[in-house]
Amino acid sequence: MTKNTKETHYVITYREPHEGKVVTLKAKTVTDSSLGLSFISISDFVFDTSSLVVNPAEEELQKRFEGIKALHLSIYTVISIAEKGSDDKTLKFKKDKSNLVILSSDHQPKDH
């Protein structure tokens, strides 16, 4: 886990699959997941520990992801990914995710 947030990093906002709670997490690496086309892998988590003000939400995330090598998220739970920092490093995926289709839960085939 990295403490320096001045380098380029990503701010990932996603919805927890179990609780439905919206979580914002910072990480240095976002890549394709080995779990399949509809997943991304988030690693090298970034936590700001240099601040004099204690942020309970940040502390909770730091404890939660302590010892976690990578977080694999379904792209359907991801709300946004923002790139922050001064390095010119762009987010690139090896697999094209642009043609994935999302079906609503109420999608039912119609009988003719």
Protein backbone atom coordinates (compact mmCIF):
# COMPACT_ATOMS: atom_id res chain seq x y z
CA MET A 1 0.00 0.00 0.00
CA THR A 2 1.35 3.34 -1.03
CA LYS A 3 1.24 6.48 1.07
CA ASN A 4 2.19 9.06 -1.58
CA THR A 5 -0.76 10.47 -3.56
CA LYS A 6 1.22 13.04 -5.60
CA GLU A 7 1.99 10.51 -8.36
CA THR A 8 -0.62 9.53 -10.90
CA HIS A 9 -3.31 7.39 -9.35
CA TYR A 10 -6.89 6.42 -10.07
CA VAL A 11 -9.95 7.25 -7.99
CA ILE A 12 -12.39 4.38 -8.44
CA THR A 13 -15.98 4.75 -7.31
CA TYR A 14 -18.01 1.57 -7.23
CA ARG A 15 -21.08 0.04 -5.63
CA GLU A 16 -20.41 -2.75 -3.12
CA PRO A 17 -22.14 -5.87 -4.46
CA HIS A 18 -23.24 -7.16 -1.03
CA GLU A 19 -24.21 -3.98 0.82
CA GLY A 20 -25.05 -1.69 -2.09
CA LYS A 21 -22.93 1.01 -0.45
CA VAL A 22 -20.96 3.38 -2.73
CA VAL A 23 -17.21 3.18 -2.05
CA THR A 24 -14.41 5.42 -3.35
CA LEU A 25 -10.94 3.90 -3.45
CA LYS A 26 -7.56 5.20 -4.70
CA ALA A 27 -5.09 2.92 -6.47
CA LYS A 28 -2.03 3.20 -8.69
CA THR A 29 -2.96 0.28 -10.96
CA VAL A 30 -6.19 -0.57 -12.82
CA THR A 31 -5.93 -3.38 -15.39
CA ASP A 32 -7.82 -6.24 -17.03
CA SER A 33 -8.73 -8.95 -14.55
CA SER A 34 -7.81 -12.58 -14.98
CA LEU A 35 -11.41 -13.41 -13.96
CA GLY A 36 -12.83 -12.52 -17.38
CA LEU A 37 -13.87 -9.82 -19.78
CA SER A 38 -16.40 -8.12 -17.51
CA PHE A 39 -13.94 -7.61 -14.62
CA ILE A 40 -11.17 -5.15 -13.82
CA SER A 41 -8.34 -5.61 -11.35
CA ILE A 42 -7.42 -2.82 -8.92
CA SER A 43 -4.11 -2.96 -7.04
CA ASP A 44 -1.40 -0.84 -5.41
CA PHE A 45 -3.92 0.90 -3.16
CA VAL A 46 -3.18 4.50 -2.13
CA PHE A 47 -4.04 5.87 1.31
CA ASP A 48 -3.24 9.39 2.53
CA THR A 49 -1.53 8.95 5.89
CA SER A 50 0.38 12.25 5.85
CA SER A 51 -2.62 14.37 6.88
CA LEU A 52 -2.89 15.60 10.45
CA VAL A 53 -6.67 15.22 10.29
CA VAL A 54 -7.90 11.65 10.78
CA ASN A 55 -10.39 10.51 8.15
CA PRO A 56 -12.41 7.57 9.57
CA ALA A 57 -13.59 6.42 6.12
CA GLU A 58 -9.99 6.34 4.82
CA GLU A 59 -8.83 4.48 7.94
CA GLU A 60 -11.61 1.92 7.50
CA LEU A 61 -10.63 1.35 3.85
CA GLN A 62 -6.97 1.02 4.80
CA LYS A 63 -7.78 -1.67 7.37
CA ARG A 64 -10.17 -3.41 4.98
CA PHE A 65 -7.62 -3.66 2.15
CA GLU A 66 -4.60 -4.43 4.31
CA GLY A 67 -2.98 -7.55 2.89
CA ILE A 68 -5.20 -7.56 -0.24
CA LYS A 69 -3.10 -8.06 -3.38
CA ALA A 70 -5.83 -7.03 -5.85
CA LEU A 71 -9.54 -6.24 -5.90
CA HIS A 72 -11.43 -7.71 -8.87
CA LEU A 73 -14.60 -5.77 -9.64
CA SER A 74 -17.32 -6.40 -12.18
CA ILE A 75 -17.44 -3.47 -14.58
CA TYR A 76 -21.18 -3.33 -13.87
CA THR A 77 -20.49 -2.21 -10.28
CA VAL A 78 -18.03 0.53 -11.30
CA ILE A 79 -19.55 4.01 -11.30
CA SER A 80 -16.46 5.97 -12.37
CA ILE A 81 -12.68 5.91 -12.69
CA ALA A 82 -10.86 9.24 -12.53
CA GLU A 83 -7.15 9.64 -13.27
CA LYS A 84 -5.33 12.12 -11.01
CA GLY A 85 -1.73 13.27 -10.81
CA SER A 86 1.06 14.73 -12.85
CA ASP A 87 2.45 11.67 -14.66
CA ASP A 88 1.27 11.13 -18.23
CA LYS A 89 0.11 7.54 -17.73
CA THR A 90 -3.17 6.53 -19.32
CA LEU A 91 -5.58 3.75 -18.45
CA LYS A 92 -5.37 1.00 -21.09
CA PHE A 93 -7.06 -2.38 -21.28
CA LYS A 94 -5.82 -5.26 -23.43
CA LYS A 95 -9.35 -6.56 -23.99
CA ASP A 96 -12.01 -4.39 -25.65
CA LYS A 97 -14.90 -3.87 -23.24
CA SER A 98 -16.81 -1.45 -25.48
CA ASN A 99 -19.23 -3.98 -26.92
CA LEU A 100 -20.50 -5.54 -23.68
CA VAL A 101 -24.27 -5.47 -23.34
CA ILE A 102 -26.06 -4.83 -20.05
CA LEU A 103 -29.43 -6.53 -19.72
CA SER A 104 -31.83 -5.20 -17.13
CA SER A 105 -33.09 -7.63 -14.50
CA ASP A 106 -36.62 -7.31 -15.84
CA HIS A 107 -35.54 -8.36 -19.36
CA GLN A 108 -37.72 -11.34 -20.25
CA PRO A 109 -38.00 -13.01 -23.66
CA LYS A 110 -41.44 -12.38 -25.15
CA ASP A 111 -43.60 -15.24 -26.42
CA HIS A 112 -44.99 -14.67 -29.90
